[in-house]
Amino acid sequence: MATQTVYVELLDEGVDVWRPVEADGGNGGTYRLPVTKAGEERWRFPPGSLVRCEWRNLSDGRVLVAVDFAD
């Protein structure tokens, strides 16, 4: 299974913050987030979630962003 860097929004930060993580998958634009996270971060999607991703422009350039839970 291939891995891809996916950006996950962090909650409760006061400003927009995105955490790059290595996610598995890629079938139909869906990826499985890693099952662990760093410290006390609160991710928009829980670790281990299957998420739908799309390309967006962030400060790091054009990146793959988790946007919703996958069906």
PDB file of N, CA and C in Angstrom:
ATOM      1  N   MET A   1       0.854  -1.187   0.000  1.00  0.00           N
ATOM      2  CA  MET A   1       0.000   0.000   0.000  1.00  0.00           C
ATOM      3  C   MET A   1       0.894   1.243   0.000  1.00  0.00           C
ATOM      4  N   ALA A   2       0.608   2.183  -0.871  1.00  0.00           N
ATOM      5  CA  ALA A   2       1.415   3.397  -0.997  1.00  0.00           C
ATOM      6  C   ALA A   2       1.069   4.403   0.091  1.00  0.00           C
ATOM      7  N   THR A   3       2.075   5.188   0.483  1.00  0.00           N
ATOM      8  CA  THR A   3       1.821   6.265   1.445  1.00  0.00           C
ATOM      9  C   THR A   3       1.912   7.606   0.734  1.00  0.00           C
ATOM     10  N   GLN A   4       1.233   8.587   1.303  1.00  0.00           N
ATOM     11  CA  GLN A   4       1.175   9.933   0.738  1.00  0.00           C
ATOM     12  C   GLN A   4       1.099  10.919   1.896  1.00  0.00           C
ATOM     13  N   THR A   5       1.735  12.052   1.756  1.00  0.00           N
ATOM     14  CA  THR A   5       1.605  13.099   2.773  1.00  0.00           C
ATOM     15  C   THR A   5       0.238  13.756   2.618  1.00  0.00           C
ATOM     16  N   VAL A   6      -0.532  13.743   3.700  1.00  0.00           N
ATOM     17  CA  VAL A   6      -1.865  14.337   3.753  1.00  0.00           C
ATOM     18  C   VAL A   6      -1.856  15.353   4.883  1.00  0.00           C
ATOM     19  N   TYR A   7      -2.453  16.513   4.666  1.00  0.00           N
ATOM     20  CA  TYR A   7      -2.531  17.555   5.681  1.00  0.00           C
ATOM     21  C   TYR A   7      -3.875  17.469   6.398  1.00  0.00           C
ATOM     22  N   VAL A   8      -3.813  17.438   7.737  1.00  0.00           N
ATOM     23  CA  VAL A   8      -5.003  17.355   8.580  1.00  0.00           C
ATOM     24  C   VAL A   8      -5.104  18.645   9.390  1.00  0.00           C
ATOM     25  N   GLU A   9      -6.290  19.247   9.383  1.00  0.00           N
ATOM     26  CA  GLU A   9      -6.506  20.482  10.138  1.00  0.00           C
ATOM     27  C   GLU A   9      -6.443  20.204  11.637  1.00  0.00           C
ATOM     28  N   LEU A  10      -5.743  21.082  12.368  1.00  0.00           N
ATOM     29  CA  LEU A  10      -5.717  21.001  13.822  1.00  0.00           C
ATOM     30  C   LEU A  10      -6.782  21.933  14.383  1.00  0.00           C
ATOM     31  N   LEU A  11      -7.486  21.470  15.396  1.00  0.00           N
ATOM     32  CA  LEU A  11      -8.551  22.257  16.017  1.00  0.00           C
ATOM     33  C   LEU A  11      -8.034  22.949  17.271  1.00  0.00           C
ATOM     34  N   ASP A  12      -8.727  23.995  17.684  1.00  0.00           N
ATOM     35  CA  ASP A  12      -8.428  24.724  18.925  1.00  0.00           C
ATOM     36  C   ASP A  12      -7.059  25.399  18.913  1.00  0.00           C
ATOM     37  N   GLU A  13      -6.600  25.853  17.751  1.00  0.00           N
ATOM     38  CA  GLU A  13      -5.289  26.487  17.648  1.00  0.00           C
ATOM     39  C   GLU A  13      -5.371  28.021  17.585  1.00  0.00           C
ATOM     40  N   GLY A  14      -6.552  28.583  17.342  1.00  0.00           N
ATOM     41  CA  GLY A  14      -6.695  30.033  17.259  1.00  0.00           C
ATOM     42  C   GLY A  14      -6.430  30.587  15.859  1.00  0.00           C
ATOM     43  N   VAL A  15      -5.659  29.875  15.070  1.00  0.00           N
ATOM     44  CA  VAL A  15      -5.390  30.210  13.664  1.00  0.00           C
ATOM     45  C   VAL A  15      -5.429  28.899  12.884  1.00  0.00           C
ATOM     46  N   ASP A  16      -5.461  28.994  11.548  1.00  0.00           N
ATOM     47  CA  ASP A  16      -5.445  27.783  10.734  1.00  0.00           C
ATOM     48  C   ASP A  16      -4.084  27.111  10.835  1.00  0.00           C
ATOM     49  N   VAL A  17      -4.095  25.861  11.291  1.00  0.00           N
ATOM     50  CA  VAL A  17      -2.871  25.068  11.412  1.00  0.00           C
ATOM     51  C   VAL A  17      -3.148  23.707  10.790  1.00  0.00           C
ATOM     52  N   TRP A  18      -2.198  23.227   9.988  1.00  0.00           N
ATOM     53  CA  TRP A  18      -2.335  21.947   9.299  1.00  0.00           C
ATOM     54  C   TRP A  18      -1.154  21.065   9.646  1.00  0.00           C
ATOM     55  N   ARG A  19      -1.419  19.809   9.994  1.00  0.00           N
ATOM     56  CA  ARG A  19      -0.376  18.847  10.337  1.00  0.00           C
ATOM     57  C   ARG A  19      -0.164  17.898   9.156  1.00  0.00           C
ATOM     58  N   PRO A  20       1.049  17.861   8.594  1.00  0.00           N
ATOM     59  CA  PRO A  20       1.320  16.859   7.564  1.00  0.00           C
ATOM     60  C   PRO A  20       1.545  15.494   8.216  1.00  0.00           C
ATOM     61  N   VAL A  21       0.867  14.476   7.701  1.00  0.00           N
ATOM     62  CA  VAL A  21       1.018  13.112   8.205  1.00  0.00           C
ATOM     63  C   VAL A  21       1.181  12.168   7.020  1.00  0.00           C
ATOM     64  N   GLU A  22       1.790  11.025   7.252  1.00  0.00           N
ATOM     65  CA  GLU A  22       1.920  10.001   6.216  1.00  0.00           C
ATOM     66  C   GLU A  22       0.711   9.076   6.317  1.00  0.00           C
ATOM     67  N   ALA A  23      -0.124   9.082   5.275  1.00  0.00           N
ATOM     68  CA  ALA A  23      -1.349   8.287   5.251  1.00  0.00           C
ATOM     69  C   ALA A  23      -1.222   7.179   4.209  1.00  0.00           C
ATOM     70  N   ASP A  24      -1.925   6.082   4.436  1.00  0.00           N
ATOM     71  CA  ASP A  24      -1.921   4.944   3.508  1.00  0.00           C
ATOM     72  C   ASP A  24      -3.113   5.036   2.572  1.00  0.00           C
ATOM     73  N   GLY A  25      -2.928   4.567   1.350  1.00  0.00           N
ATOM     74  CA  GLY A  25      -4.064   4.437   0.445  1.00  0.00           C
ATOM     75  C   GLY A  25      -3.897   5.174  -0.845  1.00  0.00           C
ATOM     76  N   GLY A  26      -4.972   5.797  -1.268  1.00  0.00           N
ATOM     77  CA  GLY A  26      -4.980   6.511  -2.519  1.00  0.00           C
ATOM     78  C   GLY A  26      -6.078   6.062  -3.456  1.00  0.00           C
ATOM     79  N   ASN A  27      -6.764   4.950  -3.129  1.00  0.00           N
ATOM     80  CA  ASN A  27      -7.850   4.474  -3.978  1.00  0.00           C
ATOM     81  C   ASN A  27      -8.999   5.472  -3.991  1.00  0.00           C
ATOM     82  N   GLY A  28      -9.298   6.031  -5.155  1.00  0.00           N
ATOM     83  CA  GLY A  28     -10.418   6.954  -5.270  1.00  0.00           C
ATOM     84  C   GLY A  28     -10.279   8.199  -4.439  1.00  0.00           C
ATOM     85  N   GLY A  29      -9.045   8.591  -4.100  1.00  0.00           N
ATOM     86  CA  GLY A  29      -8.835   9.797  -3.309  1.00  0.00           C
ATOM     87  C   GLY A  29      -9.069   9.616  -1.819  1.00  0.00           C
ATOM     88  N   THR A  30      -9.116   8.358  -1.345  1.00  0.00           N
ATOM     89  CA  THR A  30      -9.300   8.109   0.078  1.00  0.00           C
ATOM     90  C   THR A  30      -7.995   7.607   0.690  1.00  0.00           C
ATOM     91  N   TYR A  31      -7.768   8.008   1.926  1.00  0.00           N
ATOM     92  CA  TYR A  31      -6.537   7.660   2.641  1.00  0.00           C
ATOM     93  C   TYR A  31      -6.867   7.309   4.079  1.00  0.00           C
ATOM     94  N   ARG A  32      -6.064   6.418   4.657  1.00  0.00           N
ATOM     95  CA  ARG A  32      -6.203   6.052   6.072  1.00  0.00           C
ATOM     96  C   ARG A  32      -5.156   6.845   6.858  1.00  0.00           C
ATOM     97  N   LEU A  33      -5.626   7.684   7.784  1.00  0.00           N
ATOM     98  CA  LEU A  33      -4.717   8.461   8.620  1.00  0.00           C
ATOM     99  C   LEU A  33      -3.967   7.532   9.568  1.00  0.00           C
ATOM    100  N   PRO A  34      -2.790   7.936  10.023  1.00  0.00           N
ATOM    101  CA  PRO A  34      -2.067   7.096  10.987  1.00  0.00           C
ATOM    102  C   PRO A  34      -2.865   6.945  12.275  1.00  0.00           C
ATOM    103  N   VAL A  35      -2.615   5.861  12.991  1.00  0.00           N
ATOM    104  CA  VAL A  35      -3.387   5.582  14.207  1.00  0.00           C
ATOM    105  C   VAL A  35      -2.868   6.324  15.427  1.00  0.00           C
ATOM    106  N   THR A  36      -1.725   6.978  15.314  1.00  0.00           N
ATOM    107  CA  THR A  36      -1.195   7.758  16.436  1.00  0.00           C
ATOM    108  C   THR A  36      -0.991   9.200  16.002  1.00  0.00           C
ATOM    109  N   LYS A  37      -0.978  10.097  16.975  1.00  0.00           N
ATOM    110  CA  LYS A  37      -0.742  11.512  16.711  1.00  0.00           C
ATOM    111  C   LYS A  37       0.242  12.051  17.734  1.00  0.00           C
ATOM    112  N   ALA A  38       0.769  13.221  17.444  1.00  0.00           N
ATOM    113  CA  ALA A  38       1.761  13.841  18.327  1.00  0.00           C
ATOM    114  C   ALA A  38       1.081  14.543  19.502  1.00  0.00           C
ATOM    115  N   GLY A  39       1.481  14.204  20.697  1.00  0.00           N
ATOM    116  CA  GLY A  39       1.068  14.918  21.902  1.00  0.00           C
ATOM    117  C   GLY A  39      -0.418  15.133  22.058  1.00  0.00           C
ATOM    118  N   GLU A  40      -0.755  16.355  22.431  1.00  0.00           N
ATOM    119  CA  GLU A  40      -2.131  16.717  22.755  1.00  0.00           C
ATOM    120  C   GLU A  40      -2.889  17.341  21.583  1.00  0.00           C
ATOM    121  N   GLU A  41      -2.367  17.227  20.382  1.00  0.00           N
ATOM    122  CA  GLU A  41      -3.050  17.812  19.225  1.00  0.00           C
ATOM    123  C   GLU A  41      -4.464  17.259  19.091  1.00  0.00           C
ATOM    124  N   ARG A  42      -5.351  18.113  18.614  1.00  0.00           N
ATOM    125  CA  ARG A  42      -6.730  17.693  18.342  1.00  0.00           C
ATOM    126  C   ARG A  42      -6.963  17.822  16.845  1.00  0.00           C
ATOM    127  N   TRP A  43      -7.012  16.680  16.144  1.00  0.00           N
ATOM    128  CA  TRP A  43      -7.194  16.659  14.703  1.00  0.00           C
ATOM    129  C   TRP A  43      -8.674  16.777  14.343  1.00  0.00           C
ATOM    130  N   ARG A  44      -8.932  17.337  13.163  1.00  0.00           N
ATOM    131  CA  ARG A  44     -10.313  17.416  12.674  1.00  0.00           C
ATOM    132  C   ARG A  44     -10.903  16.018  12.495  1.00  0.00           C
ATOM    133  N   PHE A  45     -10.065  15.056  12.092  1.00  0.00           N
ATOM    134  CA  PHE A  45     -10.484  13.665  11.929  1.00  0.00           C
ATOM    135  C   PHE A  45      -9.658  12.801  12.875  1.00  0.00           C
ATOM    136  N   PRO A  46     -10.286  11.883  13.597  1.00  0.00           N
ATOM    137  CA  PRO A  46      -9.546  11.071  14.566  1.00  0.00           C
ATOM    138  C   PRO A  46      -8.461  10.218  13.898  1.00  0.00           C
ATOM    139  N   PRO A  47      -7.375   9.942  14.608  1.00  0.00           N
ATOM    140  CA  PRO A  47      -6.346   9.056  14.073  1.00  0.00           C
ATOM    141  C   PRO A  47      -6.971   7.724  13.642  1.00  0.00           C
ATOM    142  N   GLY A  48      -6.482   7.183  12.532  1.00  0.00           N
ATOM    143  CA  GLY A  48      -6.992   5.925  12.011  1.00  0.00           C
ATOM    144  C   GLY A  48      -8.204   6.061  11.102  1.00  0.00           C
ATOM    145  N   SER A  49      -8.743   7.291  10.955  1.00  0.00           N
ATOM    146  CA  SER A  49      -9.925   7.504  10.119  1.00  0.00           C
ATOM    147  C   SER A  49      -9.611   7.318   8.645  1.00  0.00           C
ATOM    148  N   LEU A  50     -10.603   6.852   7.899  1.00  0.00           N
ATOM    149  CA  LEU A  50     -10.541   6.809   6.446  1.00  0.00           C
ATOM    150  C   LEU A  50     -11.144   8.116   5.956  1.00  0.00           C
ATOM    151  N   VAL A  51     -10.349   8.912   5.240  1.00  0.00           N
ATOM    152  CA  VAL A  51     -10.785  10.251   4.841  1.00  0.00           C
ATOM    153  C   VAL A  51     -10.705  10.430   3.325  1.00  0.00           C
ATOM    154  N   ARG A  52     -11.540  11.333   2.833  1.00  0.00           N
ATOM    155  CA  ARG A  52     -11.507  11.754   1.429  1.00  0.00           C
ATOM    156  C   ARG A  52     -10.622  12.988   1.368  1.00  0.00           C
ATOM    157  N   CYS A  53      -9.781  13.060   0.356  1.00  0.00           N
ATOM    158  CA  CYS A  53      -8.828  14.166   0.252  1.00  0.00           C
ATOM    159  C   CYS A  53      -8.965  14.883  -1.079  1.00  0.00           C
ATOM    160  N   GLU A  54      -8.538  16.143  -1.097  1.00  0.00           N
ATOM    161  CA  GLU A  54      -8.473  16.907  -2.340  1.00  0.00           C
ATOM    162  C   GLU A  54      -7.272  17.839  -2.284  1.00  0.00           C
ATOM    163  N   TRP A  55      -6.827  18.248  -3.452  1.00  0.00           N
ATOM    164  CA  TRP A  55      -5.680  19.147  -3.551  1.00  0.00           C
ATOM    165  C   TRP A  55      -6.115  20.580  -3.257  1.00  0.00           C
ATOM    166  N   ARG A  56      -5.326  21.278  -2.425  1.00  0.00           N
ATOM    167  CA  ARG A  56      -5.584  22.687  -2.088  1.00  0.00           C
ATOM    168  C   ARG A  56      -4.260  23.435  -2.010  1.00  0.00           C
ATOM    169  N   ASN A  57      -4.337  24.747  -2.137  1.00  0.00           N
ATOM    170  CA  ASN A  57      -3.160  25.593  -1.996  1.00  0.00           C
ATOM    171  C   ASN A  57      -3.087  26.100  -0.560  1.00  0.00           C
ATOM    172  N   LEU A  58      -2.013  25.698   0.136  1.00  0.00           N
ATOM    173  CA  LEU A  58      -1.733  26.182   1.485  1.00  0.00           C
ATOM    174  C   LEU A  58      -0.409  26.917   1.454  1.00  0.00           C
ATOM    175  N   SER A  59       0.054  27.383   2.596  1.00  0.00           N
ATOM    176  CA  SER A  59       1.322  28.110   2.643  1.00  0.00           C
ATOM    177  C   SER A  59       2.496  27.245   2.199  1.00  0.00           C
ATOM    178  N   ASP A  60       2.372  25.923   2.309  1.00  0.00           N
ATOM    179  CA  ASP A  60       3.414  25.000   1.857  1.00  0.00           C
ATOM    180  C   ASP A  60       3.325  24.710   0.364  1.00  0.00           C
ATOM    181  N   GLY A  61       2.368  25.345  -0.334  1.00  0.00           N
ATOM    182  CA  GLY A  61       2.157  25.084  -1.759  1.00  0.00           C
ATOM    183  C   GLY A  61       0.905  24.238  -1.967  1.00  0.00           C
ATOM    184  N   ARG A  62       0.859  23.545  -3.079  1.00  0.00           N
ATOM    185  CA  ARG A  62      -0.287  22.693  -3.405  1.00  0.00           C
ATOM    186  C   ARG A  62      -0.111  21.352  -2.693  1.00  0.00           C
ATOM    187  N   VAL A  63      -1.053  21.045  -1.783  1.00  0.00           N
ATOM    188  CA  VAL A  63      -0.936  19.846  -0.944  1.00  0.00           C
ATOM    189  C   VAL A  63      -2.263  19.085  -0.913  1.00  0.00           C
ATOM    190  N   LEU A  64      -2.194  17.844  -0.506  1.00  0.00           N
ATOM    191  CA  LEU A  64      -3.368  16.995  -0.367  1.00  0.00           C
ATOM    192  C   LEU A  64      -3.919  17.197   1.045  1.00  0.00           C
ATOM    193  N   VAL A  65      -5.207  17.574   1.137  1.00  0.00           N
ATOM    194  CA  VAL A  65      -5.844  17.921   2.411  1.00  0.00           C
ATOM    195  C   VAL A  65      -7.010  16.981   2.691  1.00  0.00           C
ATOM    196  N   ALA A  66      -7.100  16.485   3.919  1.00  0.00           N
ATOM    197  CA  ALA A  66      -8.257  15.681   4.342  1.00  0.00           C
ATOM    198  C   ALA A  66      -9.453  16.613   4.488  1.00  0.00           C
ATOM    199  N   VAL A  67     -10.554  16.307   3.756  1.00  0.00           N
ATOM    200  CA  VAL A  67     -11.709  17.208   3.747  1.00  0.00           C
ATOM    201  C   VAL A  67     -12.994  16.605   4.317  1.00  0.00           C
ATOM    202  N   ASP A  68     -13.066  15.270   4.379  1.00  0.00           N
ATOM    203  CA  ASP A  68     -14.307  14.645   4.853  1.00  0.00           C
ATOM    204  C   ASP A  68     -14.034  13.166   5.166  1.00  0.00           C
ATOM    205  N   PHE A  69     -14.930  12.563   5.919  1.00  0.00           N
ATOM    206  CA  PHE A  69     -14.843  11.124   6.125  1.00  0.00           C
ATOM    207  C   PHE A  69     -15.202  10.420   4.821  1.00  0.00           C
ATOM    208  N   ALA A  70     -14.523   9.335   4.501  1.00  0.00           N
ATOM    209  CA  ALA A  70     -14.835   8.557   3.303  1.00  0.00           C
ATOM    210  C   ALA A  70     -15.963   7.595   3.629  1.00  0.00           C
ATOM    211  N   ASP A  71     -16.762   7.301   2.649  1.00  0.00           N
ATOM    212  CA  ASP A  71     -17.879   6.355   2.829  1.00  0.00           C
ATOM    213  C   ASP A  71     -17.387   4.932   2.804  1.00  0.00           C
TER     214      ASP A  71
END
